Amino acid sequence: MHRKNENVTRRSFLGAIAASPLAMAAGHSDAQPTPVKVKGPAVWLDLDQAALDDAYDQAVYAPNLQQITRRYASNSEAVRSRLGAPRRQAYGPAPIEGLDIYTTRRANAPINVFVHGGAWRSGVSKDFAYAAELYVNAGAHFVVLDFNNVVETGGNLMPMADQVRRAIAWVYRNAATFGGDPGRLYLSGHSSGAHLAGVALTTDWRKDFNLPADVIKGGVCCSGMYDLKPVRLSKRSSYVKFSDEIEQALSSQRRLEHLNAPVIVAHGSLETPEFQRQARDFAAAVKAAGKPVQLIVGEGYNHFEMPETYANPYGVLGRAVLQQMKLG
């Protein structure tokens, strides 16, 4: 009896070994080792070309990209069904040079101008109305800009920056026509829109537009780029024609002498390492320049989830922008 149990135990033990993953792998000549990714030479900081390219491609870090951008559009449509269609106004002669104004009932109300993202190459104003309800209900006008994308400008970012500036100037000069207070004009943006918002915040408004230097009273820049050098080294240079002039002129971190408004800089904790670093470095540079800045990190949010918090008064960005604009 003892001998039988011993044999069963031995057979069970040997069978278990034979069935183990290690033994199975060793017994098959076609088993392939896991490939080891070889890191190339550093291109920017400690990132090789592949890592840098990934760091400026949000889709690599946000697998729910398509789901969220579809939600932008559907939530924007739902907001329009409740608020009504916006007032559409032209700020320039080109067909794309228009803006959507979602008006509040409060007289002489503050204004928030929103610059949408899309990697500089996509996005239209109608799909970024999802936050309008928060502003309108809080007693502010919400203005969403349309402008050319970089494909339409032949790879040149300068016309896009110019359009955003001209749109802001139009809002300031025409605020009274829709019940807005030009003395309380605020700016917000996301992703490449935050880059363009940063450019507008560091514009010499007195010299370039004959407007007050502090035409913008406060800015919120979420998940943006504020120094174009590493972006120029990434695969975005395949569709953006960077030059030394553009890199210098459109890197807001290098033009802080023209910053005349407090800035909130934000990023999500699940964004790419470069977008997180860009936000940290920009906030640190503004602070070092002796100007008011607040850095906000949205814990558990990726790049595309962050701007949705603009629409929630208790959200990461909704709370911040209402406080900045002194709205309840």
Protein backbone atom coordinates (compact mmCIF):
# COMPACT_ATOMS: atom_id res chain seq x y z
CA MET A 1 0.00 0.00 0.00
CA HIS A 2 2.79 2.33 0.89
CA ARG A 3 4.59 1.42 -2.38
CA LYS A 4 1.47 2.26 -4.43
CA ASN A 5 1.08 5.67 -2.81
CA GLU A 6 4.75 6.39 -3.38
CA ASN A 7 4.42 5.58 -7.10
CA VAL A 8 1.34 7.72 -7.46
CA THR A 9 3.03 10.58 -5.72
CA ARG A 10 6.12 10.28 -7.90
CA ARG A 11 4.07 10.08 -11.08
CA SER A 12 2.03 13.11 -10.02
CA PHE A 13 5.17 15.05 -9.21
CA LEU A 14 6.89 14.21 -12.50
CA GLY A 15 3.71 14.98 -14.43
CA ALA A 16 3.46 18.37 -12.78
CA ILE A 17 7.02 19.17 -13.78
CA ALA A 18 6.42 18.06 -17.36
CA ALA A 19 3.34 20.28 -17.54
CA SER A 20 5.11 23.35 -16.15
CA PRO A 21 5.62 26.35 -18.47
CA LEU A 22 9.40 26.02 -18.09
CA ALA A 23 9.42 22.40 -19.18
CA MET A 24 6.96 23.03 -21.99
CA ALA A 25 9.10 25.86 -23.29
CA ALA A 26 12.23 23.75 -23.05
CA GLY A 27 10.55 20.90 -24.89
CA HIS A 28 9.62 22.96 -27.96
CA SER A 29 12.39 23.95 -30.30
CA ASP A 30 10.22 26.71 -31.87
CA ALA A 31 9.85 28.71 -28.64
CA GLN A 32 11.14 32.26 -29.20
CA PRO A 33 12.74 34.45 -26.53
CA THR A 34 11.07 37.74 -25.70
CA PRO A 35 12.71 40.45 -27.82
CA VAL A 36 14.65 43.05 -25.90
CA LYS A 37 14.08 46.61 -27.05
CA VAL A 38 17.40 48.32 -27.61
CA LYS A 39 17.50 51.98 -26.65
CA GLY A 40 19.00 54.25 -29.26
CA PRO A 41 21.13 57.33 -28.72
CA ALA A 42 19.56 60.13 -26.68
CA VAL A 43 17.87 62.81 -28.78
CA TRP A 44 16.30 64.90 -26.04
CA LEU A 45 17.23 64.59 -22.35
CA ASP A 46 17.32 60.82 -21.78
CA LEU A 47 14.85 59.98 -24.56
CA ASP A 48 15.87 58.26 -27.77
CA GLN A 49 14.02 59.03 -31.02
CA ALA A 50 11.32 56.39 -30.54
CA ALA A 51 10.62 57.46 -26.96
CA LEU A 52 10.56 61.14 -27.92
CA ASP A 53 8.15 60.44 -30.77
CA ASP A 54 5.89 58.53 -28.39
CA ALA A 55 6.11 61.35 -25.85
CA TYR A 56 4.54 63.73 -28.38
CA ASP A 57 1.91 61.25 -29.54
CA GLN A 58 -0.90 61.22 -26.98
CA ALA A 59 -2.57 58.20 -28.57
CA VAL A 60 0.31 56.05 -27.30
CA TYR A 61 -0.57 56.95 -23.71
CA ALA A 62 -4.37 57.28 -24.07
CA PRO A 63 -5.96 54.21 -25.68
CA ASN A 64 -9.45 55.69 -25.16
CA LEU A 65 -8.72 58.65 -27.47
CA GLN A 66 -11.47 57.90 -29.98
CA GLN A 67 -14.05 57.23 -27.28
CA ILE A 68 -13.37 60.55 -25.56
CA THR A 69 -13.27 62.72 -28.69
CA ARG A 70 -16.62 61.27 -29.73
CA ARG A 71 -17.86 62.23 -26.27
CA TYR A 72 -16.64 65.81 -26.79
CA ALA A 73 -18.89 66.04 -29.84
CA SER A 74 -21.95 64.39 -28.33
CA ASN A 75 -21.74 66.39 -25.09
CA SER A 76 -21.33 69.59 -27.10
CA GLU A 77 -24.45 68.78 -29.07
CA ALA A 78 -26.33 68.13 -25.83
CA VAL A 79 -25.20 71.50 -24.44
CA ARG A 80 -26.44 73.27 -27.58
CA SER A 81 -29.80 71.54 -27.21
CA ARG A 82 -30.12 73.11 -23.76
CA LEU A 83 -28.51 76.52 -24.32
CA GLY A 84 -29.49 77.05 -27.93
CA ALA A 85 -27.23 77.71 -30.89
CA PRO A 86 -24.33 80.10 -30.27
CA ARG A 87 -23.93 83.48 -31.92
CA ARG A 88 -21.53 82.99 -34.80
CA GLN A 89 -19.31 85.99 -35.53
CA ALA A 90 -16.48 86.53 -38.00
CA TYR A 91 -13.22 87.90 -36.67
CA GLY A 92 -11.50 87.90 -40.07
CA PRO A 93 -12.17 87.57 -43.80
CA ALA A 94 -11.38 83.86 -44.26
CA PRO A 95 -14.35 81.45 -44.01
CA ILE A 96 -12.75 79.60 -41.08
CA GLU A 97 -12.12 82.84 -39.16
CA GLY A 98 -15.21 82.72 -36.97
CA LEU A 99 -16.07 82.18 -33.34
CA ASP A 100 -19.01 80.78 -31.39
CA ILE A 101 -20.36 82.88 -28.52
CA TYR A 102 -22.43 81.19 -25.83
CA THR A 103 -23.98 84.09 -23.95
CA THR A 104 -25.08 84.40 -20.36
CA ARG A 105 -28.00 86.48 -19.19
CA ARG A 106 -25.89 88.57 -16.83
CA ALA A 107 -25.23 92.08 -18.09
CA ASN A 108 -21.66 93.24 -18.63
CA ALA A 109 -20.43 89.72 -17.89
CA PRO A 110 -16.86 88.37 -17.94
CA ILE A 111 -15.71 86.38 -20.96
CA ASN A 112 -13.71 83.20 -21.35
CA VAL A 113 -12.16 82.48 -24.73
CA PHE A 114 -11.34 78.82 -25.36
CA VAL A 115 -8.68 77.59 -27.81
CA HIS A 116 -9.19 73.95 -28.74
CA GLY A 117 -6.49 71.37 -29.31
CA GLY A 118 -5.97 68.66 -31.91
CA ALA A 119 -2.19 68.38 -32.40
CA TRP A 120 -2.45 71.60 -34.48
CA ARG A 121 -4.04 69.58 -37.28
CA SER A 122 -7.66 68.87 -36.28
CA GLY A 123 -10.64 70.20 -34.35
CA VAL A 124 -13.56 72.57 -34.93
CA SER A 125 -15.32 74.90 -32.50
CA LYS A 126 -18.66 73.07 -32.47
CA ASP A 127 -17.09 70.00 -30.86
CA PHE A 128 -15.74 72.00 -27.91
CA ALA A 129 -18.94 73.50 -26.56
CA TYR A 130 -19.24 70.91 -23.81
CA ALA A 131 -17.93 73.35 -21.17
CA ALA A 132 -20.17 76.25 -22.23
CA GLU A 133 -22.91 75.39 -19.77
CA LEU A 134 -20.62 75.81 -16.77
CA TYR A 135 -19.62 79.33 -17.80
CA VAL A 136 -23.08 80.47 -18.89
CA ASN A 137 -24.70 79.23 -15.68
CA ALA A 138 -21.96 80.88 -13.61
CA GLY A 139 -22.60 84.23 -15.31
CA ALA A 140 -19.91 84.36 -18.00
CA HIS A 141 -19.83 84.29 -21.78
CA PHE A 142 -17.99 81.37 -23.37
CA VAL A 143 -16.31 81.90 -26.73
CA VAL A 144 -14.86 79.02 -28.79
CA LEU A 145 -12.51 79.87 -31.65
CA ASP A 146 -12.19 78.40 -35.11
CA PHE A 147 -8.90 78.72 -37.00
CA ASN A 148 -6.97 76.94 -39.72
CA ASN A 149 -5.11 73.77 -38.94
CA VAL A 150 -1.45 73.36 -39.74
CA VAL A 151 -2.12 71.15 -42.76
CA GLU A 152 -4.16 73.97 -44.31
CA THR A 153 -1.37 76.47 -43.62
CA GLY A 154 1.25 74.31 -45.33
CA GLY A 155 2.91 73.34 -42.06
CA ASN A 156 3.25 76.90 -40.75
CA LEU A 157 2.17 77.59 -37.18
CA MET A 158 2.47 81.36 -37.47
CA PRO A 159 -0.88 81.94 -39.27
CA MET A 160 -2.63 79.91 -36.58
CA ALA A 161 -1.08 81.98 -33.80
CA ASP A 162 -2.03 85.14 -35.69
CA GLN A 163 -5.64 83.97 -36.03
CA VAL A 164 -5.93 83.26 -32.32
CA ARG A 165 -4.53 86.69 -31.48
CA ARG A 166 -6.85 88.45 -33.94
CA ALA A 167 -9.84 86.55 -32.54
CA ILE A 168 -8.98 87.65 -29.00
CA ALA A 169 -8.58 91.24 -30.18
CA TRP A 170 -11.99 91.03 -31.88
CA VAL A 171 -13.62 89.76 -28.68
CA TYR A 172 -12.06 92.59 -26.68
CA ARG A 173 -13.13 95.29 -29.13
CA ASN A 174 -16.64 93.89 -29.67
CA ALA A 175 -17.48 92.62 -26.19
CA ALA A 176 -20.20 95.23 -25.67
CA THR A 177 -22.13 93.90 -28.69
CA PHE A 178 -22.94 90.67 -26.85
CA GLY A 179 -23.07 91.99 -23.28
CA GLY A 180 -19.47 91.25 -22.37
CA ASP A 181 -17.04 93.18 -20.20
CA PRO A 182 -13.78 93.72 -22.12
CA GLY A 183 -12.05 94.45 -18.83
CA ARG A 184 -12.68 90.86 -17.69
CA LEU A 185 -11.45 88.75 -20.59
CA TYR A 186 -9.91 85.38 -19.72
CA LEU A 187 -8.26 82.74 -21.88
CA SER A 188 -8.14 78.96 -21.67
CA GLY A 189 -6.83 76.22 -23.91
CA HIS A 190 -6.00 72.54 -24.13
CA SER A 191 -3.13 70.66 -25.78
CA SER A 192 -2.02 72.45 -28.95
CA GLY A 193 -4.70 74.99 -28.02
CA ALA A 194 -2.88 75.54 -24.73
CA HIS A 195 0.27 76.13 -26.76
CA LEU A 196 -1.54 78.80 -28.79
CA ALA A 197 -3.07 80.23 -25.61
CA GLY A 198 0.42 80.47 -24.12
CA VAL A 199 1.55 82.33 -27.23
CA ALA A 200 -1.36 84.77 -26.84
CA LEU A 201 -0.60 85.25 -23.14
CA THR A 202 2.98 86.24 -24.01
CA THR A 203 2.04 88.57 -26.87
CA ASP A 204 3.04 92.24 -26.79
CA TRP A 205 -0.55 93.45 -27.15
CA ARG A 206 0.32 97.12 -26.94
CA LYS A 207 2.86 96.96 -29.75
CA ASP A 208 1.16 94.42 -32.03
CA PHE A 209 -2.52 95.36 -31.62
CA ASN A 210 -2.61 98.74 -29.91
CA LEU A 211 -4.46 97.17 -26.98
CA PRO A 212 -3.75 97.26 -23.24
CA ALA A 213 -0.78 95.11 -22.24
CA ASP A 214 -3.06 93.26 -19.81
CA VAL A 215 -5.92 92.68 -22.26
CA ILE A 216 -6.06 89.09 -20.93
CA LYS A 217 -6.80 89.04 -17.21
CA GLY A 218 -6.00 85.38 -16.57
CA GLY A 219 -5.13 82.19 -18.39
CA VAL A 220 -5.54 78.44 -17.96
CA CYS A 221 -3.17 76.32 -20.02
CA CYS A 222 -3.94 72.60 -19.81
CA SER A 223 -1.66 69.92 -21.25
CA GLY A 224 0.22 72.23 -23.57
CA MET A 225 3.67 72.81 -25.01
CA TYR A 226 5.59 75.92 -24.02
CA ASP A 227 9.02 75.33 -25.53
CA LEU A 228 9.07 73.98 -29.08
CA LYS A 229 12.64 72.68 -29.17
CA PRO A 230 11.83 69.07 -28.21
CA VAL A 231 8.65 69.14 -30.30
CA ARG A 232 10.77 70.14 -33.28
CA LEU A 233 12.95 67.07 -32.68
CA SER A 234 9.94 64.74 -32.57
CA LYS A 235 7.91 63.19 -35.37
CA ARG A 236 5.62 66.22 -35.32
CA SER A 237 8.22 67.82 -37.57
CA SER A 238 6.88 65.55 -40.31
CA TYR A 239 3.87 67.86 -40.67
CA VAL A 240 5.01 71.08 -38.98
CA LYS A 241 7.67 73.17 -40.71
CA PHE A 242 9.70 74.33 -37.75
CA SER A 243 12.40 76.96 -38.07
CA ASP A 244 14.61 78.81 -35.63
CA GLU A 245 12.34 81.83 -35.96
CA ILE A 246 9.15 79.87 -35.27
CA GLU A 247 10.72 77.97 -32.39
CA GLN A 248 11.74 81.23 -30.73
CA ALA A 249 8.63 83.29 -31.51
CA LEU A 250 6.14 80.60 -30.50
CA SER A 251 7.82 79.26 -27.36
CA SER A 252 5.94 81.13 -24.65
CA GLN A 253 8.41 80.02 -22.00
CA ARG A 254 11.00 82.25 -23.72
CA ARG A 255 8.74 85.33 -23.84
CA LEU A 256 7.71 85.74 -20.23
CA GLU A 257 8.57 89.43 -20.22
CA HIS A 258 5.28 89.93 -22.07
CA LEU A 259 3.20 87.89 -19.62
CA ASN A 260 0.84 90.21 -17.77
CA ALA A 261 -1.74 87.82 -16.32
CA PRO A 262 -1.81 85.11 -13.67
CA VAL A 263 -1.61 81.65 -15.20
CA ILE A 264 -2.90 78.26 -14.16
CA VAL A 265 -0.85 75.45 -15.72
CA ALA A 266 -2.31 71.94 -15.58
CA HIS A 267 -1.61 68.39 -16.71
CA GLY A 268 -2.94 64.91 -15.98
CA SER A 269 -0.88 62.34 -14.12
CA LEU A 270 -1.44 59.84 -16.96
CA GLU A 271 -0.12 62.10 -19.73
CA THR A 272 3.12 61.51 -21.58
CA PRO A 273 6.29 62.30 -19.63
CA GLU A 274 7.12 65.19 -21.95
CA PHE A 275 3.75 66.91 -21.57
CA GLN A 276 4.08 66.61 -17.81
CA ARG A 277 7.60 68.03 -17.94
CA GLN A 278 6.55 70.87 -20.24
CA ALA A 279 3.90 71.93 -17.71
CA ARG A 280 6.27 71.70 -14.74
CA ASP A 281 9.03 73.62 -16.49
CA PHE A 282 6.68 76.34 -17.74
CA ALA A 283 5.19 76.85 -14.29
CA ALA A 284 8.66 76.94 -12.74
CA ALA A 285 9.84 79.50 -15.32
CA VAL A 286 6.83 81.75 -14.67
CA LYS A 287 7.46 81.54 -10.93
CA ALA A 288 11.16 82.30 -11.41
CA ALA A 289 10.15 85.38 -13.42
CA GLY A 290 8.26 86.61 -10.35
CA LYS A 291 4.82 86.25 -11.90
CA PRO A 292 1.74 84.53 -10.43
CA VAL A 293 1.28 80.91 -11.43
CA GLN A 294 -0.42 77.80 -10.11
CA LEU A 295 0.45 74.25 -11.16
CA ILE A 296 -2.38 71.73 -11.01
CA VAL A 297 -2.01 67.98 -11.49
CA GLY A 298 -5.13 65.96 -12.29
CA GLU A 299 -4.50 62.64 -10.59
CA GLY A 300 -5.71 59.70 -12.66
CA TYR A 301 -6.52 61.74 -15.78
CA ASN A 302 -4.99 61.28 -19.21
CA HIS A 303 -4.50 63.96 -21.84
CA PHE A 304 -7.99 63.75 -23.32
CA GLU A 305 -9.84 63.36 -20.04
CA MET A 306 -8.38 66.54 -18.51
CA PRO A 307 -10.32 69.12 -20.61
CA GLU A 308 -13.63 67.47 -19.75
CA THR A 309 -13.09 68.71 -16.19
CA TYR A 310 -13.57 72.26 -17.55
CA ALA A 311 -17.27 71.36 -17.74
CA ASN A 312 -17.65 70.42 -14.07
CA PRO A 313 -17.75 73.14 -11.37
CA TYR A 314 -16.22 70.60 -8.99
CA GLY A 315 -13.76 69.26 -11.55
CA VAL A 316 -10.01 69.87 -11.59
CA LEU A 317 -10.21 72.68 -14.14
CA GLY A 318 -13.80 73.82 -13.62
CA ARG A 319 -13.15 74.73 -10.01
CA ALA A 320 -9.87 76.45 -10.91
CA VAL A 321 -11.28 78.59 -13.71
CA LEU A 322 -14.31 79.70 -11.69
CA GLN A 323 -12.00 80.79 -8.88
CA GLN A 324 -9.74 82.61 -11.31
CA MET A 325 -12.69 84.46 -12.84
CA LYS A 326 -14.15 85.14 -9.38
CA LEU A 327 -17.39 83.37 -10.21
CA GLY A 328 -19.50 81.41 -7.75
